[in-house]
Amino acid sequence: MKRFGIEATVGLFVVLGVLALAYLSVQLGHLQFMQGGTYDVTALFSTVSGLREGARVEIAGVQIGRVQQIVLENFQAIVHMRLDTRVQLQEDTIASIRTRGLIGENYVRLSPGGAERLIPAGGHIREVETPVDFEDLIAQFIQGKM
């Protein structure tokens, strides 16, 4: 009887360990199961300057989505974003790539517009601001062009 108790305890710890590993994998991998409604939009940038898939998409500092995919087409970067359906974007929304702090991670910041028409699911954000390239700024400063 004592051996059964030890085996049951070990089995319970193994099951708890697998569940904890699965939970951490979902959280760290930014996977979304049983998610609320989402929709996809795209934006075309001349450069994404260090933006990665899985990066946050924010409005007013609040996360409303994530970058799903970044692809190169005609020498420009197309950023595919998945956004929460509770947030509807106006047609004149501006997308910009920002950095948290001086050496922080890059994210997409959306600045809502004032238009009455909304961007539909699968739509395209037309207004973009290219990111500031700190390497170019430093090079210009060093060369005395600033």
C-alpha atoms as a PDB file:
ATOM      1  CA  MET A   1       0.000   0.000   0.000  1.00  0.00           C
ATOM      2  CA  LYS A   2       2.855   2.351   0.759  1.00  0.00           C
ATOM      3  CA  ARG A   3       4.300   1.861  -2.761  1.00  0.00           C
ATOM      4  CA  PHE A   4       0.963   2.893  -4.334  1.00  0.00           C
ATOM      5  CA  GLY A   5       0.993   6.149  -2.373  1.00  0.00           C
ATOM      6  CA  ILE A   6       4.484   7.015  -3.597  1.00  0.00           C
ATOM      7  CA  GLU A   7       3.560   6.226  -7.219  1.00  0.00           C
ATOM      8  CA  ALA A   8       0.396   8.317  -6.975  1.00  0.00           C
ATOM      9  CA  THR A   9       2.347  11.240  -5.528  1.00  0.00           C
ATOM     10  CA  VAL A  10       4.995  11.037  -8.253  1.00  0.00           C
ATOM     11  CA  GLY A  11       2.271  10.772 -10.917  1.00  0.00           C
ATOM     12  CA  LEU A  12       0.514  13.841  -9.512  1.00  0.00           C
ATOM     13  CA  PHE A  13       3.757  15.850  -9.586  1.00  0.00           C
ATOM     14  CA  VAL A  14       4.428  14.765 -13.184  1.00  0.00           C
ATOM     15  CA  VAL A  15       0.937  15.851 -14.265  1.00  0.00           C
ATOM     16  CA  LEU A  16       1.295  19.201 -12.458  1.00  0.00           C
ATOM     17  CA  GLY A  17       4.720  19.712 -14.054  1.00  0.00           C
ATOM     18  CA  VAL A  18       3.362  19.052 -17.551  1.00  0.00           C
ATOM     19  CA  LEU A  19       0.449  21.428 -16.951  1.00  0.00           C
ATOM     20  CA  ALA A  20       2.816  24.136 -15.667  1.00  0.00           C
ATOM     21  CA  LEU A  21       5.086  23.652 -18.698  1.00  0.00           C
ATOM     22  CA  ALA A  22       2.108  23.898 -21.070  1.00  0.00           C
ATOM     23  CA  TYR A  23       0.891  27.079 -19.359  1.00  0.00           C
ATOM     24  CA  LEU A  24       4.329  28.717 -19.558  1.00  0.00           C
ATOM     25  CA  SER A  25       4.684  27.719 -23.218  1.00  0.00           C
ATOM     26  CA  VAL A  26       1.384  29.392 -24.069  1.00  0.00           C
ATOM     27  CA  GLN A  27       2.198  32.533 -22.066  1.00  0.00           C
ATOM     28  CA  LEU A  28       5.769  32.961 -23.292  1.00  0.00           C
ATOM     29  CA  GLY A  29       4.872  32.045 -26.867  1.00  0.00           C
ATOM     30  CA  HIS A  30       2.037  34.596 -26.918  1.00  0.00           C
ATOM     31  CA  LEU A  31      -0.373  31.933 -28.126  1.00  0.00           C
ATOM     32  CA  GLN A  32      -4.048  32.695 -27.819  1.00  0.00           C
ATOM     33  CA  PHE A  33      -6.561  29.939 -27.206  1.00  0.00           C
ATOM     34  CA  MET A  34     -10.248  30.643 -26.821  1.00  0.00           C
ATOM     35  CA  GLN A  35      -9.500  34.253 -27.617  1.00  0.00           C
ATOM     36  CA  GLY A  36     -12.125  36.894 -27.906  1.00  0.00           C
ATOM     37  CA  GLY A  37     -12.832  38.308 -31.323  1.00  0.00           C
ATOM     38  CA  THR A  38      -9.892  39.533 -33.338  1.00  0.00           C
ATOM     39  CA  TYR A  39      -9.394  40.877 -36.817  1.00  0.00           C
ATOM     40  CA  ASP A  40      -6.374  41.457 -39.018  1.00  0.00           C
ATOM     41  CA  VAL A  41      -5.086  44.666 -40.588  1.00  0.00           C
ATOM     42  CA  THR A  42      -1.880  45.450 -42.463  1.00  0.00           C
ATOM     43  CA  ALA A  43       0.443  48.433 -42.796  1.00  0.00           C
ATOM     44  CA  LEU A  44       3.212  49.057 -45.335  1.00  0.00           C
ATOM     45  CA  PHE A  45       6.524  50.465 -44.041  1.00  0.00           C
ATOM     46  CA  SER A  46       9.702  51.357 -45.904  1.00  0.00           C
ATOM     47  CA  THR A  47      11.628  49.831 -42.980  1.00  0.00           C
ATOM     48  CA  VAL A  48      10.592  48.071 -39.782  1.00  0.00           C
ATOM     49  CA  SER A  49      13.906  48.731 -38.036  1.00  0.00           C
ATOM     50  CA  GLY A  50      14.052  45.813 -35.582  1.00  0.00           C
ATOM     51  CA  LEU A  51      10.329  45.115 -35.217  1.00  0.00           C
ATOM     52  CA  ARG A  52       9.692  41.411 -34.584  1.00  0.00           C
ATOM     53  CA  GLU A  53       6.739  39.085 -34.977  1.00  0.00           C
ATOM     54  CA  GLY A  54       4.865  38.908 -31.698  1.00  0.00           C
ATOM     55  CA  ALA A  55       5.573  42.565 -30.876  1.00  0.00           C
ATOM     56  CA  ARG A  56       2.867  44.556 -29.128  1.00  0.00           C
ATOM     57  CA  VAL A  57       0.409  46.832 -30.913  1.00  0.00           C
ATOM     58  CA  GLU A  58      -0.739  49.690 -28.673  1.00  0.00           C
ATOM     59  CA  ILE A  59      -3.029  52.682 -28.550  1.00  0.00           C
ATOM     60  CA  ALA A  60      -2.370  55.168 -25.733  1.00  0.00           C
ATOM     61  CA  GLY A  61      -0.007  52.680 -24.083  1.00  0.00           C
ATOM     62  CA  VAL A  62      -2.646  49.940 -23.906  1.00  0.00           C
ATOM     63  CA  GLN A  63      -2.022  46.692 -25.763  1.00  0.00           C
ATOM     64  CA  ILE A  64      -4.743  46.012 -28.337  1.00  0.00           C
ATOM     65  CA  GLY A  65      -3.017  43.359 -30.414  1.00  0.00           C
ATOM     66  CA  ARG A  66       0.173  41.774 -31.685  1.00  0.00           C
ATOM     67  CA  VAL A  67       2.236  41.717 -34.847  1.00  0.00           C
ATOM     68  CA  GLN A  68       1.453  38.403 -36.549  1.00  0.00           C
ATOM     69  CA  GLN A  69       3.789  38.467 -39.521  1.00  0.00           C
ATOM     70  CA  ILE A  70       6.279  40.702 -41.325  1.00  0.00           C
ATOM     71  CA  VAL A  71       6.908  40.037 -44.996  1.00  0.00           C
ATOM     72  CA  LEU A  72       8.961  41.752 -47.681  1.00  0.00           C
ATOM     73  CA  GLU A  73       7.151  42.733 -50.873  1.00  0.00           C
ATOM     74  CA  ASN A  74       8.529  45.058 -53.554  1.00  0.00           C
ATOM     75  CA  PHE A  75      11.351  46.056 -51.188  1.00  0.00           C
ATOM     76  CA  GLN A  76       8.921  47.231 -48.515  1.00  0.00           C
ATOM     77  CA  ALA A  77       7.845  45.589 -45.268  1.00  0.00           C
ATOM     78  CA  ILE A  78       4.215  44.574 -44.868  1.00  0.00           C
ATOM     79  CA  VAL A  79       3.285  44.267 -41.198  1.00  0.00           C
ATOM     80  CA  HIS A  80       0.284  42.025 -40.484  1.00  0.00           C
ATOM     81  CA  MET A  81      -1.355  42.828 -37.148  1.00  0.00           C
ATOM     82  CA  ARG A  82      -4.079  40.993 -35.229  1.00  0.00           C
ATOM     83  CA  LEU A  83      -6.229  43.400 -33.201  1.00  0.00           C
ATOM     84  CA  ASP A  84      -8.997  43.062 -30.635  1.00  0.00           C
ATOM     85  CA  THR A  85     -12.460  43.567 -32.170  1.00  0.00           C
ATOM     86  CA  ARG A  86     -13.420  45.869 -29.303  1.00  0.00           C
ATOM     87  CA  VAL A  87     -11.106  48.438 -30.907  1.00  0.00           C
ATOM     88  CA  GLN A  88     -12.286  49.777 -34.245  1.00  0.00           C
ATOM     89  CA  LEU A  89      -9.791  51.879 -36.184  1.00  0.00           C
ATOM     90  CA  GLN A  90     -10.743  54.918 -38.223  1.00  0.00           C
ATOM     91  CA  GLU A  91      -9.658  55.132 -41.839  1.00  0.00           C
ATOM     92  CA  ASP A  92      -7.094  57.850 -41.047  1.00  0.00           C
ATOM     93  CA  THR A  93      -5.342  55.968 -38.220  1.00  0.00           C
ATOM     94  CA  ILE A  94      -1.553  56.441 -38.187  1.00  0.00           C
ATOM     95  CA  ALA A  95       0.767  53.479 -37.521  1.00  0.00           C
ATOM     96  CA  SER A  96       4.298  54.105 -36.288  1.00  0.00           C
ATOM     97  CA  ILE A  97       7.092  51.904 -35.004  1.00  0.00           C
ATOM     98  CA  ARG A  98       8.398  53.020 -31.622  1.00  0.00           C
ATOM     99  CA  THR A  99      11.020  51.844 -29.151  1.00  0.00           C
ATOM    100  CA  ARG A 100      10.578  51.494 -25.402  1.00  0.00           C
ATOM    101  CA  GLY A 101      13.372  53.600 -23.943  1.00  0.00           C
ATOM    102  CA  LEU A 102      16.728  53.915 -25.676  1.00  0.00           C
ATOM    103  CA  ILE A 103      17.453  50.232 -26.182  1.00  0.00           C
ATOM    104  CA  GLY A 104      14.080  48.650 -25.489  1.00  0.00           C
ATOM    105  CA  GLU A 105      11.898  46.482 -27.657  1.00  0.00           C
ATOM    106  CA  ASN A 106      10.123  47.865 -30.699  1.00  0.00           C
ATOM    107  CA  TYR A 107       6.343  47.959 -30.944  1.00  0.00           C
ATOM    108  CA  VAL A 108       3.643  49.404 -33.205  1.00  0.00           C
ATOM    109  CA  ARG A 109       1.849  52.476 -31.916  1.00  0.00           C
ATOM    110  CA  LEU A 110      -1.478  53.347 -33.488  1.00  0.00           C
ATOM    111  CA  SER A 111      -2.804  56.896 -33.317  1.00  0.00           C
ATOM    112  CA  PRO A 112      -6.544  56.935 -34.027  1.00  0.00           C
ATOM    113  CA  GLY A 113      -7.878  59.441 -36.500  1.00  0.00           C
ATOM    114  CA  GLY A 114     -11.134  61.334 -36.647  1.00  0.00           C
ATOM    115  CA  ALA A 115     -12.720  59.904 -39.801  1.00  0.00           C
ATOM    116  CA  GLU A 116     -16.165  58.366 -39.685  1.00  0.00           C
ATOM    117  CA  ARG A 117     -15.257  55.410 -41.915  1.00  0.00           C
ATOM    118  CA  LEU A 118     -13.626  52.438 -40.196  1.00  0.00           C
ATOM    119  CA  ILE A 119     -10.932  50.074 -41.435  1.00  0.00           C
ATOM    120  CA  PRO A 120     -12.617  46.722 -42.136  1.00  0.00           C
ATOM    121  CA  ALA A 121     -11.204  43.318 -41.184  1.00  0.00           C
ATOM    122  CA  GLY A 122      -8.391  42.541 -43.588  1.00  0.00           C
ATOM    123  CA  GLY A 123      -8.058  46.267 -44.297  1.00  0.00           C
ATOM    124  CA  HIS A 124      -4.993  48.408 -44.666  1.00  0.00           C
ATOM    125  CA  ILE A 125      -3.660  51.284 -42.537  1.00  0.00           C
ATOM    126  CA  ARG A 126      -2.608  53.874 -45.104  1.00  0.00           C
ATOM    127  CA  GLU A 127      -0.867  56.437 -42.892  1.00  0.00           C
ATOM    128  CA  VAL A 128       2.493  55.305 -41.480  1.00  0.00           C
ATOM    129  CA  GLU A 129       5.449  57.014 -39.853  1.00  0.00           C
ATOM    130  CA  THR A 130       8.834  55.466 -40.492  1.00  0.00           C
ATOM    131  CA  PRO A 131      10.888  54.721 -37.379  1.00  0.00           C
ATOM    132  CA  VAL A 132      13.821  56.872 -36.347  1.00  0.00           C
ATOM    133  CA  ASP A 133      17.074  55.080 -37.144  1.00  0.00           C
ATOM    134  CA  PHE A 134      19.388  55.838 -34.232  1.00  0.00           C
ATOM    135  CA  GLU A 135      22.418  54.450 -36.077  1.00  0.00           C
ATOM    136  CA  ASP A 136      21.942  57.005 -38.863  1.00  0.00           C
ATOM    137  CA  LEU A 137      21.514  59.811 -36.336  1.00  0.00           C
ATOM    138  CA  ILE A 138      24.702  58.844 -34.515  1.00  0.00           C
ATOM    139  CA  ALA A 139      26.615  58.552 -37.795  1.00  0.00           C
ATOM    140  CA  GLN A 140      25.432  62.010 -38.859  1.00  0.00           C
ATOM    141  CA  PHE A 141      26.411  63.450 -35.483  1.00  0.00           C
ATOM    142  CA  ILE A 142      29.874  61.896 -35.648  1.00  0.00           C
ATOM    143  CA  GLN A 143      30.413  63.160 -39.195  1.00  0.00           C
ATOM    144  CA  GLY A 144      29.336  66.657 -38.126  1.00  0.00           C
ATOM    145  CA  LYS A 145      26.278  66.830 -40.378  1.00  0.00           C
ATOM    146  CA  MET A 146      23.922  67.714 -37.561  1.00  0.00           C
END
